[in-house]
Amino acid sequence: MYNFLSVVYASAPQWLYDMLLIVLCVVAVWIFSLRKVIRVKLRRLLGVVYAEYLVLLMCATVVFRDSTCALGVEFVPFWNYTYFTKEVLFETLLNIVMFIPVGFCSSVFLKHPMMIKIFLMSMVMSCTIEVTQYFLERGLCETNDVMNNTLGGVLGYLLYKATPMLVQLFHQRSYEYYGQRAIA
């Protein structure tokens, strides 16, 4: 069974993970914008997609990660920003974007979401990933990843807070568009 899962996750192209992230965000915003009766029922669907995302996150960062990459610990913050190349920028943005669904979906499922809760939850989850990478020798355990992942979680929370305003703005714009079209 383990070999089958490793083949499935290892052979899956990167665009599949990206597509799952996009679908998760779209489903979350769609569910958030619906009426409350429908939103409660579809929340379960978001929960299933979020659970699968967390499994894919652990698989991509720890379980099926190549053990030949850089190993060790780097506690100096911003250590790789002195060598700011395209690869460093891509890795930084990937670490931020990777945790936006964590902040958004955790806010949906918490009874009283607050930025400090999401901040701490993202930080603990990121630290867990980094420490697991270190002990399983699956990558470099570094503070930059923790900071970037935590920033991504906070951005997900801010997106959650801004979603009602964005949905209302979208509905208002589409109403104005269809209203002008009906007059013409």
N, C-alpha and C. Protein backbone atom coordinates (compact mmCIF):
# COMPACT_ATOMS: atom_id res chain seq x y z
N MET A 1 0.83 -1.19 0.00
CA MET A 1 0.00 0.00 0.00
C MET A 1 0.87 1.26 0.00
N TYR A 2 1.96 1.23 0.80
CA TYR A 2 2.84 2.39 0.87
C TYR A 2 3.48 2.66 -0.49
N ASN A 3 3.89 1.61 -1.20
CA ASN A 3 4.50 1.79 -2.51
C ASN A 3 3.52 2.41 -3.49
N PHE A 4 2.25 1.99 -3.41
CA PHE A 4 1.24 2.55 -4.31
C PHE A 4 1.07 4.05 -4.06
N LEU A 5 0.96 4.43 -2.77
CA LEU A 5 0.79 5.85 -2.46
C LEU A 5 2.01 6.65 -2.84
N SER A 6 3.20 6.10 -2.63
CA SER A 6 4.40 6.84 -3.00
C SER A 6 4.49 7.03 -4.51
N VAL A 7 4.06 6.05 -5.27
CA VAL A 7 4.06 6.19 -6.73
C VAL A 7 3.04 7.22 -7.16
N VAL A 8 1.85 7.21 -6.53
CA VAL A 8 0.80 8.17 -6.90
C VAL A 8 1.25 9.59 -6.59
N TYR A 9 1.74 9.83 -5.37
CA TYR A 9 2.13 11.19 -5.00
C TYR A 9 3.42 11.62 -5.69
N ALA A 10 4.36 10.73 -5.86
CA ALA A 10 5.63 11.10 -6.48
C ALA A 10 5.48 11.32 -7.98
N SER A 11 4.59 10.55 -8.61
CA SER A 11 4.44 10.69 -10.05
C SER A 11 3.45 11.77 -10.44
N ALA A 12 2.72 12.30 -9.47
CA ALA A 12 1.77 13.36 -9.79
C ALA A 12 2.53 14.62 -10.18
N PRO A 13 2.15 15.24 -11.28
CA PRO A 13 2.86 16.45 -11.70
C PRO A 13 2.56 17.61 -10.76
N GLN A 14 3.44 18.60 -10.77
CA GLN A 14 3.29 19.75 -9.89
C GLN A 14 2.00 20.50 -10.17
N TRP A 15 1.55 20.52 -11.42
CA TRP A 15 0.33 21.26 -11.73
C TRP A 15 -0.87 20.65 -11.03
N LEU A 16 -0.82 19.37 -10.68
CA LEU A 16 -1.92 18.75 -9.95
C LEU A 16 -2.04 19.33 -8.55
N TYR A 17 -0.91 19.52 -7.88
CA TYR A 17 -0.93 20.15 -6.57
C TYR A 17 -1.41 21.60 -6.66
N ASP A 18 -0.94 22.31 -7.68
CA ASP A 18 -1.36 23.69 -7.88
C ASP A 18 -2.86 23.77 -8.16
N MET A 19 -3.36 22.83 -8.97
CA MET A 19 -4.77 22.81 -9.29
C MET A 19 -5.61 22.55 -8.04
N LEU A 20 -5.15 21.65 -7.18
CA LEU A 20 -5.87 21.36 -5.94
C LEU A 20 -5.92 22.60 -5.07
N LEU A 21 -4.83 23.36 -5.02
CA LEU A 21 -4.80 24.59 -4.25
C LEU A 21 -5.80 25.60 -4.79
N ILE A 22 -5.87 25.76 -6.10
CA ILE A 22 -6.80 26.69 -6.72
C ILE A 22 -8.24 26.26 -6.47
N VAL A 23 -8.51 24.96 -6.63
CA VAL A 23 -9.87 24.45 -6.40
C VAL A 23 -10.26 24.67 -4.95
N LEU A 24 -9.34 24.44 -4.02
CA LEU A 24 -9.63 24.66 -2.61
C LEU A 24 -10.01 26.11 -2.34
N CYS A 25 -9.27 27.04 -2.90
CA CYS A 25 -9.56 28.46 -2.70
C CYS A 25 -10.89 28.86 -3.32
N VAL A 26 -11.16 28.40 -4.52
CA VAL A 26 -12.42 28.74 -5.20
C VAL A 26 -13.61 28.15 -4.45
N VAL A 27 -13.51 26.90 -4.03
CA VAL A 27 -14.60 26.27 -3.28
C VAL A 27 -14.82 27.00 -1.96
N ALA A 28 -13.74 27.38 -1.30
CA ALA A 28 -13.87 28.08 -0.02
C ALA A 28 -14.58 29.42 -0.19
N VAL A 29 -14.18 30.19 -1.19
CA VAL A 29 -14.82 31.49 -1.42
C VAL A 29 -16.27 31.30 -1.85
N TRP A 30 -16.53 30.30 -2.68
CA TRP A 30 -17.91 30.03 -3.13
C TRP A 30 -18.79 29.65 -1.96
N ILE A 31 -18.31 28.77 -1.10
CA ILE A 31 -19.09 28.35 0.05
C ILE A 31 -19.31 29.53 0.99
N PHE A 32 -18.29 30.34 1.15
CA PHE A 32 -18.39 31.48 2.06
C PHE A 32 -19.41 32.50 1.56
N SER A 33 -19.61 32.58 0.26
CA SER A 33 -20.50 33.60 -0.29
C SER A 33 -21.96 33.16 -0.37
N LEU A 34 -22.24 31.87 -0.15
CA LEU A 34 -23.61 31.39 -0.25
C LEU A 34 -24.42 31.71 0.99
N ARG A 35 -25.74 31.49 0.86
CA ARG A 35 -26.59 31.69 2.01
C ARG A 35 -26.23 30.72 3.12
N LYS A 36 -26.60 31.07 4.34
CA LYS A 36 -26.16 30.31 5.50
C LYS A 36 -26.63 28.86 5.48
N VAL A 37 -27.85 28.59 5.01
CA VAL A 37 -28.38 27.23 4.99
C VAL A 37 -27.53 26.34 4.07
N ILE A 38 -27.20 26.85 2.90
CA ILE A 38 -26.39 26.10 1.96
C ILE A 38 -24.95 26.02 2.45
N ARG A 39 -24.46 27.10 3.06
CA ARG A 39 -23.09 27.15 3.53
C ARG A 39 -22.81 26.07 4.57
N VAL A 40 -23.76 25.81 5.45
CA VAL A 40 -23.56 24.80 6.49
C VAL A 40 -23.41 23.41 5.86
N LYS A 41 -24.20 23.12 4.85
CA LYS A 41 -24.11 21.81 4.20
C LYS A 41 -22.83 21.65 3.40
N LEU A 42 -22.42 22.69 2.71
CA LEU A 42 -21.23 22.59 1.87
C LEU A 42 -19.94 22.73 2.66
N ARG A 43 -20.05 23.08 3.92
CA ARG A 43 -18.86 23.19 4.76
C ARG A 43 -18.17 21.85 4.91
N ARG A 44 -18.96 20.79 4.90
CA ARG A 44 -18.38 19.45 4.98
C ARG A 44 -17.49 19.17 3.78
N LEU A 45 -17.94 19.60 2.61
CA LEU A 45 -17.14 19.42 1.40
C LEU A 45 -15.81 20.16 1.54
N LEU A 46 -15.86 21.37 2.04
CA LEU A 46 -14.64 22.13 2.26
C LEU A 46 -13.74 21.41 3.27
N GLY A 47 -14.35 20.80 4.27
CA GLY A 47 -13.57 20.05 5.26
C GLY A 47 -12.83 18.88 4.64
N VAL A 48 -13.49 18.17 3.73
CA VAL A 48 -12.85 17.04 3.05
C VAL A 48 -11.70 17.52 2.16
N VAL A 49 -11.95 18.58 1.41
CA VAL A 49 -10.91 19.13 0.53
C VAL A 49 -9.75 19.67 1.36
N TYR A 50 -10.04 20.30 2.48
CA TYR A 50 -9.00 20.83 3.36
C TYR A 50 -8.17 19.70 3.98
N ALA A 51 -8.83 18.63 4.37
CA ALA A 51 -8.09 17.47 4.92
C ALA A 51 -7.17 16.88 3.87
N GLU A 52 -7.65 16.76 2.64
CA GLU A 52 -6.80 16.25 1.55
C GLU A 52 -5.64 17.21 1.29
N TYR A 53 -5.90 18.50 1.38
CA TYR A 53 -4.82 19.47 1.20
C TYR A 53 -3.75 19.29 2.27
N LEU A 54 -4.16 19.09 3.51
CA LEU A 54 -3.18 18.90 4.59
C LEU A 54 -2.37 17.63 4.37
N VAL A 55 -3.01 16.58 3.87
CA VAL A 55 -2.27 15.35 3.57
C VAL A 55 -1.26 15.61 2.45
N LEU A 56 -1.69 16.29 1.40
CA LEU A 56 -0.77 16.62 0.30
C LEU A 56 0.36 17.53 0.77
N LEU A 57 0.06 18.44 1.68
CA LEU A 57 1.09 19.33 2.22
C LEU A 57 2.15 18.53 2.97
N MET A 58 1.73 17.60 3.81
CA MET A 58 2.68 16.77 4.54
C MET A 58 3.46 15.87 3.58
N CYS A 59 2.78 15.34 2.58
CA CYS A 59 3.47 14.48 1.61
C CYS A 59 4.50 15.26 0.80
N ALA A 60 4.14 16.46 0.38
CA ALA A 60 5.04 17.26 -0.44
C ALA A 60 6.23 17.79 0.35
N THR A 61 6.03 18.08 1.64
CA THR A 61 7.11 18.69 2.41
C THR A 61 7.93 17.70 3.22
N VAL A 62 7.36 16.53 3.53
CA VAL A 62 8.08 15.60 4.40
C VAL A 62 8.13 14.19 3.83
N VAL A 63 6.99 13.57 3.63
CA VAL A 63 6.93 12.13 3.38
C VAL A 63 7.63 11.73 2.09
N PHE A 64 7.28 12.34 0.99
CA PHE A 64 7.83 11.94 -0.30
C PHE A 64 8.88 12.91 -0.82
N ARG A 65 9.47 13.65 0.07
CA ARG A 65 10.52 14.59 -0.32
C ARG A 65 11.83 13.84 -0.50
N ASP A 66 12.59 14.26 -1.48
CA ASP A 66 13.87 13.63 -1.76
C ASP A 66 14.84 13.87 -0.61
N SER A 67 15.49 12.83 -0.15
CA SER A 67 16.41 12.96 0.99
C SER A 67 17.80 13.41 0.56
N THR A 68 18.00 13.65 -0.72
CA THR A 68 19.32 14.09 -1.19
C THR A 68 19.47 15.60 -1.19
N CYS A 69 18.42 16.33 -0.81
CA CYS A 69 18.52 17.79 -0.79
C CYS A 69 19.33 18.24 0.42
N ALA A 70 19.50 19.53 0.57
CA ALA A 70 20.32 20.08 1.66
C ALA A 70 19.77 19.66 3.01
N LEU A 71 20.65 19.21 3.88
CA LEU A 71 20.26 18.76 5.20
C LEU A 71 20.90 19.68 6.25
N GLY A 72 20.26 19.76 7.41
CA GLY A 72 20.82 20.54 8.49
C GLY A 72 19.82 21.51 9.07
N VAL A 73 20.35 22.47 9.84
CA VAL A 73 19.51 23.46 10.51
C VAL A 73 20.10 24.84 10.22
N GLU A 74 19.24 25.80 9.96
CA GLU A 74 19.67 27.18 9.74
C GLU A 74 18.76 28.09 10.56
N PHE A 75 19.29 28.58 11.68
CA PHE A 75 18.49 29.42 12.58
C PHE A 75 18.61 30.90 12.28
N VAL A 76 19.52 31.30 11.42
CA VAL A 76 19.71 32.72 11.11
C VAL A 76 18.59 33.16 10.17
N PRO A 77 17.76 34.11 10.61
CA PRO A 77 16.68 34.57 9.72
C PRO A 77 17.24 35.34 8.53
N PHE A 78 16.57 35.20 7.41
CA PHE A 78 16.90 35.90 6.16
C PHE A 78 18.29 35.55 5.64
N TRP A 79 18.78 34.37 5.97
CA TRP A 79 20.15 34.01 5.57
C TRP A 79 20.30 33.88 4.07
N ASN A 80 19.27 33.39 3.38
CA ASN A 80 19.41 33.20 1.94
C ASN A 80 18.99 34.43 1.13
N TYR A 81 18.54 35.48 1.78
CA TYR A 81 18.15 36.68 1.05
C TYR A 81 19.37 37.45 0.54
N THR A 82 20.54 37.16 1.09
CA THR A 82 21.75 37.81 0.57
C THR A 82 22.09 37.30 -0.83
N TYR A 83 21.64 36.06 -1.12
CA TYR A 83 21.82 35.48 -2.45
C TYR A 83 20.50 35.52 -3.19
N PHE A 84 19.86 36.67 -3.25
CA PHE A 84 18.50 36.76 -3.76
C PHE A 84 18.49 36.51 -5.27
N THR A 85 18.15 35.29 -5.64
CA THR A 85 18.07 34.89 -7.04
C THR A 85 16.62 34.56 -7.36
N LYS A 86 16.39 34.17 -8.60
CA LYS A 86 15.05 33.78 -9.02
C LYS A 86 14.56 32.56 -8.24
N GLU A 87 15.48 31.63 -7.96
CA GLU A 87 15.11 30.42 -7.23
C GLU A 87 14.73 30.74 -5.79
N VAL A 88 15.46 31.65 -5.15
CA VAL A 88 15.15 32.05 -3.78
C VAL A 88 13.80 32.76 -3.73
N LEU A 89 13.54 33.63 -4.69
CA LEU A 89 12.25 34.32 -4.76
C LEU A 89 11.12 33.32 -4.97
N PHE A 90 11.31 32.36 -5.87
CA PHE A 90 10.29 31.34 -6.11
C PHE A 90 10.03 30.51 -4.86
N GLU A 91 11.09 30.11 -4.17
CA GLU A 91 10.93 29.31 -2.96
C GLU A 91 10.21 30.11 -1.86
N THR A 92 10.55 31.38 -1.74
CA THR A 92 9.91 32.24 -0.74
C THR A 92 8.42 32.39 -1.03
N LEU A 93 8.09 32.70 -2.28
CA LEU A 93 6.68 32.85 -2.66
C LEU A 93 5.91 31.53 -2.52
N LEU A 94 6.56 30.43 -2.86
CA LEU A 94 5.92 29.13 -2.71
C LEU A 94 5.61 28.82 -1.24
N ASN A 95 6.54 29.15 -0.35
CA ASN A 95 6.30 28.93 1.08
C ASN A 95 5.17 29.80 1.60
N ILE A 96 5.03 31.00 1.07
CA ILE A 96 3.93 31.87 1.50
C ILE A 96 2.61 31.37 0.95
N VAL A 97 2.56 31.09 -0.35
CA VAL A 97 1.31 30.66 -0.99
C VAL A 97 0.85 29.30 -0.46
N MET A 98 1.80 28.46 -0.10
CA MET A 98 1.47 27.12 0.37
C MET A 98 0.63 27.16 1.65
N PHE A 99 0.76 28.19 2.46
CA PHE A 99 0.04 28.25 3.73
C PHE A 99 -1.16 29.18 3.70
N ILE A 100 -1.47 29.82 2.59
CA ILE A 100 -2.68 30.66 2.52
C ILE A 100 -3.94 29.83 2.76
N PRO A 101 -4.08 28.63 2.17
CA PRO A 101 -5.28 27.83 2.48
C PRO A 101 -5.36 27.42 3.95
N VAL A 102 -4.22 27.26 4.60
CA VAL A 102 -4.23 26.91 6.02
C VAL A 102 -4.87 28.04 6.83
N GLY A 103 -4.48 29.26 6.56
CA GLY A 103 -5.06 30.40 7.27
C GLY A 103 -6.52 30.62 6.93
N PHE A 104 -6.87 30.48 5.64
CA PHE A 104 -8.25 30.72 5.22
C PHE A 104 -9.18 29.65 5.76
N CYS A 105 -8.85 28.39 5.53
CA CYS A 105 -9.75 27.30 5.93
C CYS A 105 -9.81 27.13 7.44
N SER A 106 -8.70 27.36 8.12
CA SER A 106 -8.74 27.30 9.58
C SER A 106 -9.65 28.39 10.12
N SER A 107 -9.67 29.55 9.49
CA SER A 107 -10.57 30.62 9.91
C SER A 107 -12.03 30.23 9.69
N VAL A 108 -12.30 29.50 8.62
CA VAL A 108 -13.67 29.07 8.35
C VAL A 108 -14.14 28.11 9.43
N PHE A 109 -13.26 27.22 9.88
CA PHE A 109 -13.68 26.19 10.82
C PHE A 109 -13.57 26.60 12.29
N LEU A 110 -12.86 27.65 12.61
CA LEU A 110 -12.80 28.11 14.00
C LEU A 110 -14.07 28.87 14.35
N LYS A 111 -14.50 28.71 15.60
CA LYS A 111 -15.73 29.38 16.02
C LYS A 111 -15.53 30.90 16.07
N HIS A 112 -14.43 31.33 16.64
CA HIS A 112 -14.11 32.75 16.71
C HIS A 112 -12.69 32.95 16.17
N PRO A 113 -12.55 33.06 14.85
CA PRO A 113 -11.20 33.20 14.30
C PRO A 113 -10.60 34.57 14.65
N MET A 114 -9.38 34.52 15.10
CA MET A 114 -8.63 35.73 15.41
C MET A 114 -7.25 35.60 14.78
N MET A 115 -6.65 36.74 14.48
CA MET A 115 -5.36 36.69 13.81
C MET A 115 -4.31 35.99 14.66
N ILE A 116 -4.33 36.18 15.96
CA ILE A 116 -3.33 35.56 16.81
C ILE A 116 -3.47 34.04 16.80
N LYS A 117 -4.71 33.55 16.74
CA LYS A 117 -4.93 32.10 16.67
C LYS A 117 -4.37 31.53 15.37
N ILE A 118 -4.65 32.19 14.28
CA ILE A 118 -4.17 31.72 12.98
C ILE A 118 -2.66 31.84 12.90
N PHE A 119 -2.12 32.92 13.46
CA PHE A 119 -0.67 33.12 13.49
C PHE A 119 0.00 31.96 14.24
N LEU A 120 -0.50 31.66 15.42
CA LEU A 120 0.08 30.59 16.22
C LEU A 120 -0.12 29.22 15.58
N MET A 121 -1.30 28.99 15.01
CA MET A 121 -1.58 27.71 14.36
C MET A 121 -0.65 27.50 13.16
N SER A 122 -0.48 28.53 12.37
CA SER A 122 0.42 28.43 11.21
C SER A 122 1.86 28.22 11.64
N MET A 123 2.26 28.92 12.69
CA MET A 123 3.62 28.78 13.17
C MET A 123 3.88 27.38 13.73
N VAL A 124 2.94 26.86 14.51
CA VAL A 124 3.10 25.51 15.07
C VAL A 124 3.13 24.47 13.96
N MET A 125 2.24 24.61 12.97
CA MET A 125 2.21 23.65 11.87
C MET A 125 3.51 23.71 11.06
N SER A 126 4.01 24.91 10.82
CA SER A 126 5.25 25.06 10.08
C SER A 126 6.44 24.51 10.88
N CYS A 127 6.48 24.80 12.16
CA CYS A 127 7.56 24.26 13.01
C CYS A 127 7.52 22.73 13.04
N THR A 128 6.32 22.18 13.07
CA THR A 128 6.18 20.72 13.04
C THR A 128 6.76 20.14 11.75
N ILE A 129 6.46 20.78 10.64
CA ILE A 129 6.99 20.32 9.36
C ILE A 129 8.51 20.42 9.35
N GLU A 130 9.04 21.55 9.81
CA GLU A 130 10.49 21.76 9.78
C GLU A 130 11.22 20.78 10.69
N VAL A 131 10.70 20.55 11.89
CA VAL A 131 11.35 19.62 12.82
C VAL A 131 11.26 18.19 12.28
N THR A 132 10.13 17.85 11.69
CA THR A 132 9.99 16.52 11.09
C THR A 132 10.96 16.34 9.94
N GLN A 133 11.13 17.38 9.11
CA GLN A 133 12.12 17.31 8.04
C GLN A 133 13.52 17.07 8.60
N TYR A 134 13.83 17.72 9.69
CA TYR A 134 15.15 17.56 10.28
C TYR A 134 15.36 16.13 10.80
N PHE A 135 14.41 15.63 11.56
CA PHE A 135 14.59 14.30 12.15
C PHE A 135 14.54 13.18 11.13
N LEU A 136 13.77 13.36 10.06
CA LEU A 136 13.69 12.35 9.01
C LEU A 136 14.73 12.60 7.91
N GLU A 137 15.54 13.64 8.08
CA GLU A 137 16.56 14.02 7.11
C GLU A 137 15.96 14.20 5.72
N ARG A 138 14.94 15.04 5.65
CA ARG A 138 14.24 15.30 4.40
C ARG A 138 14.34 16.75 3.95
N GLY A 139 15.30 17.47 4.46
CA GLY A 139 15.46 18.84 4.00
C GLY A 139 16.11 19.70 5.05
N LEU A 140 16.26 20.96 4.69
CA LEU A 140 16.90 21.93 5.56
C LEU A 140 15.85 22.52 6.50
N CYS A 141 16.10 22.43 7.77
CA CYS A 141 15.21 23.00 8.79
C CYS A 141 15.64 24.46 8.99
N GLU A 142 14.81 25.41 8.56
CA GLU A 142 15.24 26.81 8.61
C GLU A 142 14.13 27.73 9.10
N THR A 143 14.55 28.81 9.71
CA THR A 143 13.59 29.78 10.24
C THR A 143 12.90 30.56 9.13
N ASN A 144 13.54 30.71 7.98
CA ASN A 144 12.90 31.42 6.86
C ASN A 144 11.60 30.74 6.45
N ASP A 145 11.61 29.41 6.39
CA ASP A 145 10.40 28.69 6.02
C ASP A 145 9.30 28.91 7.04
N VAL A 146 9.65 28.89 8.32
CA VAL A 146 8.65 29.12 9.37
C VAL A 146 8.06 30.53 9.23
N MET A 147 8.92 31.53 9.02
CA MET A 147 8.43 32.90 8.88
C MET A 147 7.54 33.05 7.64
N ASN A 148 7.96 32.49 6.51
CA ASN A 148 7.19 32.62 5.28
C ASN A 148 5.86 31.85 5.38
N ASN A 149 5.89 30.66 5.95
CA ASN A 149 4.66 29.89 6.11
C ASN A 149 3.68 30.61 7.04
N THR A 150 4.20 31.17 8.12
CA THR A 150 3.34 31.91 9.05
C THR A 150 2.74 33.14 8.38
N LEU A 151 3.53 33.82 7.57
CA LEU A 151 3.02 34.96 6.80
C LEU A 151 1.90 34.52 5.86
N GLY A 152 2.08 33.36 5.22
CA GLY A 152 1.04 32.83 4.35
C GLY A 152 -0.24 32.54 5.11
N GLY A 153 -0.13 31.97 6.30
CA GLY A 153 -1.32 31.71 7.12
C GLY A 153 -2.04 33.00 7.49
N VAL A 154 -1.28 34.03 7.84
CA VAL A 154 -1.88 35.33 8.18
C VAL A 154 -2.54 35.94 6.95
N LEU A 155 -1.91 35.82 5.79
CA LEU A 155 -2.54 36.32 4.55
C LEU A 155 -3.83 35.57 4.25
N GLY A 156 -3.87 34.27 4.53
CA GLY A 156 -5.10 33.51 4.36
C GLY A 156 -6.19 34.01 5.29
N TYR A 157 -5.83 34.36 6.52
CA TYR A 157 -6.80 34.93 7.46
C TYR A 157 -7.32 36.27 6.95
N LEU A 158 -6.42 37.11 6.46
CA LEU A 158 -6.83 38.42 5.93
C LEU A 158 -7.73 38.26 4.70
N LEU A 159 -7.45 37.25 3.88
CA LEU A 159 -8.33 36.95 2.74
C LEU A 159 -9.70 36.52 3.23
N TYR A 160 -9.74 35.74 4.29
CA TYR A 160 -11.01 35.31 4.90
C TYR A 160 -11.80 36.52 5.37
N LYS A 161 -11.11 37.46 6.02
CA LYS A 161 -11.80 38.65 6.51
C LYS A 161 -12.27 39.56 5.37
N ALA A 162 -11.53 39.57 4.27
CA ALA A 162 -11.88 40.45 3.15
C ALA A 162 -12.90 39.83 2.21
N THR A 163 -13.13 38.53 2.31
CA THR A 163 -14.01 37.84 1.37
C THR A 163 -15.43 38.40 1.35
N PRO A 164 -16.09 38.66 2.50
CA PRO A 164 -17.45 39.22 2.40
C PRO A 164 -17.51 40.54 1.65
N MET A 165 -16.52 41.39 1.87
CA MET A 165 -16.48 42.67 1.18
C MET A 165 -16.25 42.46 -0.32
N LEU A 166 -15.35 41.54 -0.67
CA LEU A 166 -15.08 41.26 -2.08
C LEU A 166 -16.30 40.65 -2.77
N VAL A 167 -17.00 39.74 -2.08
CA VAL A 167 -18.20 39.13 -2.66
C VAL A 167 -19.27 40.17 -2.86
N GLN A 168 -19.46 41.05 -1.87
CA GLN A 168 -20.46 42.11 -2.00
C GLN A 168 -20.11 43.05 -3.15
N LEU A 169 -18.84 43.39 -3.27
CA LEU A 169 -18.39 44.25 -4.36
C LEU A 169 -18.63 43.57 -5.71
N PHE A 170 -18.34 42.28 -5.79
CA PHE A 170 -18.56 41.54 -7.03
C PHE A 170 -20.04 41.49 -7.39
N HIS A 171 -20.90 41.23 -6.40
CA HIS A 171 -22.34 41.20 -6.67
C HIS A 171 -22.85 42.57 -7.08
N GLN A 172 -22.34 43.62 -6.47
CA GLN A 172 -22.75 44.97 -6.82
C GLN A 172 -22.33 45.32 -8.24
N ARG A 173 -21.11 44.96 -8.61
CA ARG A 173 -20.62 45.25 -9.96
C ARG A 173 -21.41 44.47 -11.01
N SER A 174 -21.68 43.19 -10.72
CA SER A 174 -22.44 42.40 -11.70
C SER A 174 -23.87 42.91 -11.81
N TYR A 175 -24.46 43.39 -10.71
CA TYR A 175 -25.80 43.95 -10.75
C TYR A 175 -25.81 45.22 -11.57
N GLU A 176 -24.80 46.08 -11.37
CA GLU A 176 -24.72 47.31 -12.16
C GLU A 176 -24.55 47.00 -13.63
N TYR A 177 -23.74 45.99 -13.94
CA TYR A 177 -23.51 45.62 -15.33
C TYR A 177 -24.79 45.11 -15.96
N TYR A 178 -25.47 44.21 -15.28
CA TYR A 178 -26.72 43.66 -15.84
C TYR A 178 -27.82 44.70 -15.85
N GLY A 179 -27.81 45.64 -14.91
CA GLY A 179 -28.80 46.70 -14.90
C GLY A 179 -28.62 47.64 -16.08
N GLN A 180 -27.41 47.99 -16.42
CA GLN A 180 -27.15 48.84 -17.57
C GLN A 180 -27.48 48.11 -18.86
N ARG A 181 -27.21 46.83 -18.89
CA ARG A 181 -27.50 46.05 -20.08
C ARG A 181 -29.00 45.95 -20.31
N ALA A 182 -29.75 45.84 -19.23
CA ALA A 182 -31.21 45.73 -19.37
C ALA A 182 -31.81 47.04 -19.87
N ILE A 183 -31.22 48.15 -19.47
CA ILE A 183 -31.73 49.45 -19.91
C ILE A 183 -31.43 49.65 -21.39
N ALA A 184 -30.24 49.24 -21.80
CA ALA A 184 -29.86 49.43 -23.19
C ALA A 184 -30.71 48.54 -24.04
